[in-house]
Amino acid sequence: MRLETMTPAHVRRAVDLYLRHAFAPRSSVEPRITSADLAGASTMEQLFARFELAPRDQADGFLRYTLRL
């Protein structure tokens, strides 16, 4: 999919799928961002800006997983 045709809904769906596989239920490590954090963004610019607001001081135990858009 080309970035020009991608919508915030596509990115939220990708984040949901990523979180489902990257974080085990009842894991002690919390994700930096969830799709709920991205709710309400109606443009890709607004959505990407929310990624910048995500806290970066989390434990790095989950860095082996990568989400590529």
N, C-alpha and C. Protein backbone atom coordinates (compact mmCIF):
# COMPACT_ATOMS: atom_id res chain seq x y z
N MET A 1 0.85 -1.17 0.00
CA MET A 1 0.00 0.00 0.00
C MET A 1 0.90 1.24 0.00
N ARG A 2 0.52 2.20 -0.77
CA ARG A 2 1.28 3.45 -0.84
C ARG A 2 0.84 4.37 0.30
N LEU A 3 1.79 5.14 0.82
CA LEU A 3 1.51 6.06 1.92
C LEU A 3 0.40 7.04 1.55
N GLU A 4 0.33 7.42 0.30
CA GLU A 4 -0.69 8.37 -0.14
C GLU A 4 -2.11 7.82 0.00
N THR A 5 -2.26 6.50 -0.02
CA THR A 5 -3.58 5.90 0.09
C THR A 5 -3.89 5.36 1.49
N MET A 6 -2.90 5.40 2.36
CA MET A 6 -3.08 4.91 3.72
C MET A 6 -3.92 5.89 4.53
N THR A 7 -4.76 5.35 5.39
CA THR A 7 -5.60 6.18 6.25
C THR A 7 -5.26 5.92 7.72
N PRO A 8 -5.68 6.82 8.62
CA PRO A 8 -5.47 6.56 10.04
C PRO A 8 -6.08 5.22 10.49
N ALA A 9 -7.18 4.82 9.89
CA ALA A 9 -7.80 3.54 10.25
C ALA A 9 -6.87 2.38 9.91
N HIS A 10 -6.16 2.45 8.80
CA HIS A 10 -5.19 1.40 8.45
C HIS A 10 -4.09 1.31 9.51
N VAL A 11 -3.59 2.45 9.94
CA VAL A 11 -2.50 2.45 10.92
C VAL A 11 -2.99 1.93 12.27
N ARG A 12 -4.18 2.35 12.69
CA ARG A 12 -4.73 1.83 13.96
C ARG A 12 -4.89 0.32 13.90
N ARG A 13 -5.34 -0.20 12.79
CA ARG A 13 -5.49 -1.65 12.62
C ARG A 13 -4.12 -2.34 12.68
N ALA A 14 -3.13 -1.77 12.04
CA ALA A 14 -1.78 -2.34 12.08
C ALA A 14 -1.24 -2.34 13.51
N VAL A 15 -1.47 -1.25 14.25
CA VAL A 15 -1.02 -1.19 15.64
C VAL A 15 -1.72 -2.26 16.47
N ASP A 16 -3.02 -2.43 16.28
CA ASP A 16 -3.75 -3.48 17.01
C ASP A 16 -3.17 -4.86 16.74
N LEU A 17 -2.90 -5.18 15.47
CA LEU A 17 -2.33 -6.48 15.13
C LEU A 17 -0.95 -6.65 15.73
N TYR A 18 -0.15 -5.60 15.65
CA TYR A 18 1.20 -5.64 16.24
C TYR A 18 1.14 -5.91 17.74
N LEU A 19 0.30 -5.17 18.43
CA LEU A 19 0.20 -5.33 19.88
C LEU A 19 -0.28 -6.72 20.28
N ARG A 20 -1.17 -7.27 19.49
CA ARG A 20 -1.69 -8.61 19.77
C ARG A 20 -0.58 -9.65 19.73
N HIS A 21 0.39 -9.48 18.84
CA HIS A 21 1.45 -10.46 18.69
C HIS A 21 2.72 -10.11 19.48
N ALA A 22 2.96 -8.84 19.72
CA ALA A 22 4.20 -8.43 20.36
C ALA A 22 4.14 -8.46 21.89
N PHE A 23 2.95 -8.33 22.46
CA PHE A 23 2.81 -8.28 23.91
C PHE A 23 1.88 -9.38 24.38
N ALA A 24 2.43 -10.26 25.19
CA ALA A 24 1.63 -11.36 25.73
C ALA A 24 0.62 -10.82 26.74
N PRO A 25 -0.53 -11.49 26.84
CA PRO A 25 -1.49 -11.09 27.88
C PRO A 25 -0.82 -11.14 29.26
N ARG A 26 -1.14 -10.19 30.08
CA ARG A 26 -0.61 -10.09 31.45
C ARG A 26 0.91 -9.93 31.46
N SER A 27 1.45 -9.34 30.42
CA SER A 27 2.88 -9.07 30.35
C SER A 27 3.23 -7.93 31.31
N SER A 28 4.42 -7.98 31.84
CA SER A 28 4.84 -6.91 32.75
C SER A 28 5.31 -5.67 31.98
N VAL A 29 5.52 -5.80 30.68
CA VAL A 29 5.96 -4.68 29.84
C VAL A 29 4.74 -4.09 29.15
N GLU A 30 4.58 -2.78 29.27
CA GLU A 30 3.47 -2.09 28.63
C GLU A 30 3.93 -1.48 27.31
N PRO A 31 3.07 -1.49 26.28
CA PRO A 31 3.45 -0.86 25.02
C PRO A 31 3.53 0.65 25.17
N ARG A 32 4.37 1.28 24.36
CA ARG A 32 4.49 2.74 24.38
C ARG A 32 3.21 3.41 23.92
N ILE A 33 2.51 2.79 22.98
CA ILE A 33 1.33 3.41 22.40
C ILE A 33 0.33 2.32 22.05
N THR A 34 -0.95 2.63 22.11
CA THR A 34 -2.00 1.69 21.71
C THR A 34 -2.88 2.38 20.68
N SER A 35 -3.77 1.63 20.08
CA SER A 35 -4.67 2.23 19.10
C SER A 35 -5.60 3.23 19.77
N ALA A 36 -5.88 3.06 21.06
CA ALA A 36 -6.72 4.03 21.77
C ALA A 36 -6.03 5.39 21.83
N ASP A 37 -4.71 5.39 21.92
CA ASP A 37 -3.95 6.65 21.92
C ASP A 37 -4.06 7.36 20.57
N LEU A 38 -4.38 6.61 19.54
CA LEU A 38 -4.46 7.16 18.19
C LEU A 38 -5.88 7.53 17.79
N ALA A 39 -6.84 7.24 18.64
CA ALA A 39 -8.25 7.53 18.34
C ALA A 39 -8.45 9.02 18.16
N GLY A 40 -9.30 9.36 17.24
CA GLY A 40 -9.63 10.76 17.01
C GLY A 40 -8.76 11.45 15.97
N ALA A 41 -7.66 10.84 15.59
CA ALA A 41 -6.81 11.43 14.55
C ALA A 41 -7.49 11.21 13.20
N SER A 42 -7.78 12.30 12.52
CA SER A 42 -8.50 12.16 11.25
C SER A 42 -7.59 12.30 10.03
N THR A 43 -6.34 12.71 10.25
CA THR A 43 -5.39 12.79 9.14
C THR A 43 -4.13 12.03 9.54
N MET A 44 -3.34 11.68 8.54
CA MET A 44 -2.11 10.97 8.82
C MET A 44 -1.14 11.86 9.60
N GLU A 45 -1.15 13.15 9.34
CA GLU A 45 -0.27 14.07 10.06
C GLU A 45 -0.62 14.08 11.56
N GLN A 46 -1.91 14.14 11.87
CA GLN A 46 -2.34 14.11 13.27
C GLN A 46 -1.95 12.79 13.92
N LEU A 47 -2.13 11.72 13.19
CA LEU A 47 -1.81 10.39 13.72
C LEU A 47 -0.32 10.26 14.00
N PHE A 48 0.52 10.65 13.06
CA PHE A 48 1.97 10.54 13.26
C PHE A 48 2.44 11.45 14.39
N ALA A 49 1.80 12.58 14.57
CA ALA A 49 2.15 13.48 15.68
C ALA A 49 1.90 12.80 17.02
N ARG A 50 0.89 11.96 17.10
CA ARG A 50 0.59 11.26 18.35
C ARG A 50 1.68 10.24 18.69
N PHE A 51 2.33 9.68 17.69
CA PHE A 51 3.45 8.78 17.95
C PHE A 51 4.58 9.53 18.63
N GLU A 52 4.76 10.79 18.27
CA GLU A 52 5.81 11.60 18.88
C GLU A 52 5.53 11.89 20.35
N LEU A 53 4.26 11.86 20.75
CA LEU A 53 3.88 12.15 22.13
C LEU A 53 4.00 10.95 23.05
N ALA A 54 4.20 9.78 22.48
CA ALA A 54 4.27 8.55 23.28
C ALA A 54 5.48 8.60 24.20
N PRO A 55 5.33 8.15 25.45
CA PRO A 55 6.46 8.15 26.38
C PRO A 55 7.58 7.24 25.89
N ARG A 56 8.81 7.66 26.10
CA ARG A 56 9.95 6.89 25.62
C ARG A 56 10.77 6.30 26.76
N ASP A 57 10.29 6.42 27.97
CA ASP A 57 11.06 5.94 29.11
C ASP A 57 10.66 4.53 29.55
N GLN A 58 9.99 3.82 28.70
CA GLN A 58 9.55 2.45 29.00
C GLN A 58 10.74 1.49 28.97
N ALA A 59 10.58 0.34 29.59
CA ALA A 59 11.60 -0.71 29.52
C ALA A 59 11.79 -1.13 28.07
N ASP A 60 12.99 -1.51 27.71
CA ASP A 60 13.25 -1.85 26.31
C ASP A 60 13.20 -3.35 26.06
N GLY A 61 12.49 -4.10 26.86
CA GLY A 61 12.41 -5.54 26.69
C GLY A 61 11.66 -5.99 25.47
N PHE A 62 10.98 -5.07 24.80
CA PHE A 62 10.19 -5.45 23.63
C PHE A 62 10.78 -4.91 22.34
N LEU A 63 12.02 -4.47 22.36
CA LEU A 63 12.61 -3.85 21.18
C LEU A 63 12.87 -4.84 20.04
N ARG A 64 12.75 -6.11 20.29
CA ARG A 64 13.00 -7.06 19.21
C ARG A 64 11.90 -7.07 18.18
N TYR A 65 10.75 -6.49 18.51
CA TYR A 65 9.64 -6.44 17.58
C TYR A 65 9.64 -5.11 16.84
N THR A 66 9.28 -5.15 15.57
CA THR A 66 9.25 -3.96 14.75
C THR A 66 7.96 -3.92 13.98
N LEU A 67 7.35 -2.75 13.92
CA LEU A 67 6.18 -2.53 13.09
C LEU A 67 6.60 -1.63 11.95
N ARG A 68 6.49 -2.13 10.74
CA ARG A 68 6.82 -1.33 9.57
C ARG A 68 5.55 -1.00 8.82
N LEU A 69 5.44 0.25 8.46
CA LEU A 69 4.29 0.67 7.67
C LEU A 69 4.72 0.87 6.23
